[in-house]
Amino acid sequence: MIKKKPKLNKTLFWDVNIKDIDFDKHKKYVIQRILVYGDKKDWQEAKKHYGIKEIKKIAVQISNLDKKSWNFWSLIFNIPKNKFLCSKRLSRQGRGAF
């Protein structure tokens, strides 16, 4: 079964040609952009395309979530902040969990 490409805001991918993105091969990149810069429509499209379980699995593997996104998605997904890979980077910078 071939999945349709999610209809995402093109501004999420300002640095690449959106036509060149393989939404399954590059899902970590795509999900990171949605979690940091996406809006409600982007989130709905991501849920349809990837599913919540897969998004959660990828979210904890993203090392470059900003502090605001990290805190927000930790609450939304009900995942402790220390389970996110970005927690190690932010802690090293002296900006760990509150």
C-alpha atoms as a PDB file:
ATOM      1  CA  MET A   1       0.000   0.000   0.000  1.00  0.00           C
ATOM      2  CA  ILE A   2       1.384   3.404  -0.979  1.00  0.00           C
ATOM      3  CA  LYS A   3       0.839   6.181   1.536  1.00  0.00           C
ATOM      4  CA  LYS A   4      -0.157   9.609   0.320  1.00  0.00           C
ATOM      5  CA  LYS A   5       2.259  12.386   1.160  1.00  0.00           C
ATOM      6  CA  PRO A   6       1.090  14.454   4.118  1.00  0.00           C
ATOM      7  CA  LYS A   7      -0.127  17.941   3.182  1.00  0.00           C
ATOM      8  CA  LEU A   8       2.266  19.984   5.283  1.00  0.00           C
ATOM      9  CA  ASN A   9       3.003  23.681   5.304  1.00  0.00           C
ATOM     10  CA  LYS A  10       5.870  24.235   2.853  1.00  0.00           C
ATOM     11  CA  THR A  11       7.453  26.813   5.159  1.00  0.00           C
ATOM     12  CA  LEU A  12       8.416  23.969   7.521  1.00  0.00           C
ATOM     13  CA  PHE A  13      10.982  22.993   4.909  1.00  0.00           C
ATOM     14  CA  TRP A  14      12.395  26.400   4.007  1.00  0.00           C
ATOM     15  CA  ASP A  15      15.881  24.972   3.507  1.00  0.00           C
ATOM     16  CA  VAL A  16      15.054  22.127   1.119  1.00  0.00           C
ATOM     17  CA  ASN A  17      12.857  21.432  -1.876  1.00  0.00           C
ATOM     18  CA  ILE A  18       9.769  19.764  -0.398  1.00  0.00           C
ATOM     19  CA  LYS A  19       9.381  17.710  -3.590  1.00  0.00           C
ATOM     20  CA  ASP A  20      12.674  15.969  -2.788  1.00  0.00           C
ATOM     21  CA  ILE A  21      11.600  14.785   0.670  1.00  0.00           C
ATOM     22  CA  ASP A  22      10.836  11.102   1.087  1.00  0.00           C
ATOM     23  CA  PHE A  23       8.399  11.350   3.993  1.00  0.00           C
ATOM     24  CA  ASP A  24       9.108   7.808   5.156  1.00  0.00           C
ATOM     25  CA  LYS A  25      12.864   7.695   4.622  1.00  0.00           C
ATOM     26  CA  HIS A  26      13.308  11.144   6.239  1.00  0.00           C
ATOM     27  CA  LYS A  27      10.620  10.816   8.903  1.00  0.00           C
ATOM     28  CA  LYS A  28      12.877  11.895  11.779  1.00  0.00           C
ATOM     29  CA  TYR A  29      13.646  15.158   9.954  1.00  0.00           C
ATOM     30  CA  VAL A  30       9.980  15.700   9.039  1.00  0.00           C
ATOM     31  CA  ILE A  31       8.678  14.939  12.542  1.00  0.00           C
ATOM     32  CA  GLN A  32      11.292  17.236  14.118  1.00  0.00           C
ATOM     33  CA  ARG A  33      10.143  20.114  11.897  1.00  0.00           C
ATOM     34  CA  ILE A  34       6.502  19.485  12.770  1.00  0.00           C
ATOM     35  CA  LEU A  35       7.156  19.239  16.522  1.00  0.00           C
ATOM     36  CA  VAL A  36       9.148  22.478  16.548  1.00  0.00           C
ATOM     37  CA  TYR A  37       7.544  24.628  13.852  1.00  0.00           C
ATOM     38  CA  GLY A  38       4.282  22.962  12.855  1.00  0.00           C
ATOM     39  CA  ASP A  39       0.754  24.121  13.507  1.00  0.00           C
ATOM     40  CA  LYS A  40      -2.426  22.191  14.264  1.00  0.00           C
ATOM     41  CA  LYS A  41      -2.954  21.212  10.598  1.00  0.00           C
ATOM     42  CA  ASP A  42       0.605  19.904  10.332  1.00  0.00           C
ATOM     43  CA  TRP A  43       0.104  17.913  13.536  1.00  0.00           C
ATOM     44  CA  GLN A  44      -3.116  16.356  12.192  1.00  0.00           C
ATOM     45  CA  GLU A  45      -1.362  15.384   8.956  1.00  0.00           C
ATOM     46  CA  ALA A  46       1.548  13.869  10.878  1.00  0.00           C
ATOM     47  CA  LYS A  47      -0.812  11.799  13.023  1.00  0.00           C
ATOM     48  CA  LYS A  48      -2.581  10.489   9.922  1.00  0.00           C
ATOM     49  CA  HIS A  49       0.652   9.681   8.116  1.00  0.00           C
ATOM     50  CA  TYR A  50       2.849   8.323  10.923  1.00  0.00           C
ATOM     51  CA  GLY A  51       0.538   7.552  13.848  1.00  0.00           C
ATOM     52  CA  ILE A  52       0.996   8.711  17.450  1.00  0.00           C
ATOM     53  CA  LYS A  53       3.055   5.688  18.483  1.00  0.00           C
ATOM     54  CA  GLU A  54       5.647   6.297  15.745  1.00  0.00           C
ATOM     55  CA  ILE A  55       5.758  10.049  16.419  1.00  0.00           C
ATOM     56  CA  LYS A  56       6.424   9.422  20.124  1.00  0.00           C
ATOM     57  CA  LYS A  57       9.156   6.912  19.279  1.00  0.00           C
ATOM     58  CA  ILE A  58      10.861   9.412  16.973  1.00  0.00           C
ATOM     59  CA  ALA A  59      10.320  12.420  19.279  1.00  0.00           C
ATOM     60  CA  VAL A  60      12.468  10.973  22.060  1.00  0.00           C
ATOM     61  CA  GLN A  61      15.260  10.315  19.527  1.00  0.00           C
ATOM     62  CA  ILE A  62      15.482  13.928  18.335  1.00  0.00           C
ATOM     63  CA  SER A  63      18.593  15.561  19.747  1.00  0.00           C
ATOM     64  CA  ASN A  64      17.867  19.109  18.632  1.00  0.00           C
ATOM     65  CA  LEU A  65      14.442  19.904  20.062  1.00  0.00           C
ATOM     66  CA  ASP A  66      14.435  23.351  21.580  1.00  0.00           C
ATOM     67  CA  LYS A  67      13.580  23.735  25.263  1.00  0.00           C
ATOM     68  CA  LYS A  68      10.036  24.997  24.670  1.00  0.00           C
ATOM     69  CA  SER A  69       9.157  22.131  22.294  1.00  0.00           C
ATOM     70  CA  TRP A  70      10.821  19.589  24.567  1.00  0.00           C
ATOM     71  CA  ASN A  71       8.739  20.691  27.550  1.00  0.00           C
ATOM     72  CA  PHE A  72       5.509  20.865  25.532  1.00  0.00           C
ATOM     73  CA  TRP A  73       5.801  17.442  23.896  1.00  0.00           C
ATOM     74  CA  SER A  74       6.926  15.850  27.150  1.00  0.00           C
ATOM     75  CA  LEU A  75       3.596  16.948  28.647  1.00  0.00           C
ATOM     76  CA  ILE A  76       1.481  16.088  25.606  1.00  0.00           C
ATOM     77  CA  PHE A  77       3.009  12.629  25.168  1.00  0.00           C
ATOM     78  CA  ASN A  78       3.235  12.011  28.925  1.00  0.00           C
ATOM     79  CA  ILE A  79       6.897  11.059  28.568  1.00  0.00           C
ATOM     80  CA  PRO A  80       9.379  12.118  31.270  1.00  0.00           C
ATOM     81  CA  LYS A  81      11.727  14.814  30.004  1.00  0.00           C
ATOM     82  CA  ASN A  82      14.820  12.769  30.848  1.00  0.00           C
ATOM     83  CA  LYS A  83      13.720  10.150  28.287  1.00  0.00           C
ATOM     84  CA  PHE A  84      14.278  12.626  25.438  1.00  0.00           C
ATOM     85  CA  LEU A  85      17.699  12.572  23.793  1.00  0.00           C
ATOM     86  CA  CYS A  86      17.703  16.380  23.753  1.00  0.00           C
ATOM     87  CA  SER A  87      17.676  16.361  27.583  1.00  0.00           C
ATOM     88  CA  LYS A  88      21.313  15.275  27.545  1.00  0.00           C
ATOM     89  CA  ARG A  89      22.313  18.141  25.241  1.00  0.00           C
ATOM     90  CA  LEU A  90      20.345  20.748  27.187  1.00  0.00           C
ATOM     91  CA  SER A  91      21.712  19.478  30.512  1.00  0.00           C
ATOM     92  CA  ARG A  92      25.295  19.753  29.234  1.00  0.00           C
ATOM     93  CA  GLN A  93      24.591  23.356  28.289  1.00  0.00           C
ATOM     94  CA  GLY A  94      23.445  24.087  31.819  1.00  0.00           C
ATOM     95  CA  ARG A  95      19.833  24.450  30.777  1.00  0.00           C
ATOM     96  CA  GLY A  96      18.397  21.157  31.995  1.00  0.00           C
ATOM     97  CA  ALA A  97      14.909  20.446  33.218  1.00  0.00           C
ATOM     98  CA  PHE A  98      13.325  23.007  35.508  1.00  0.00           C
END
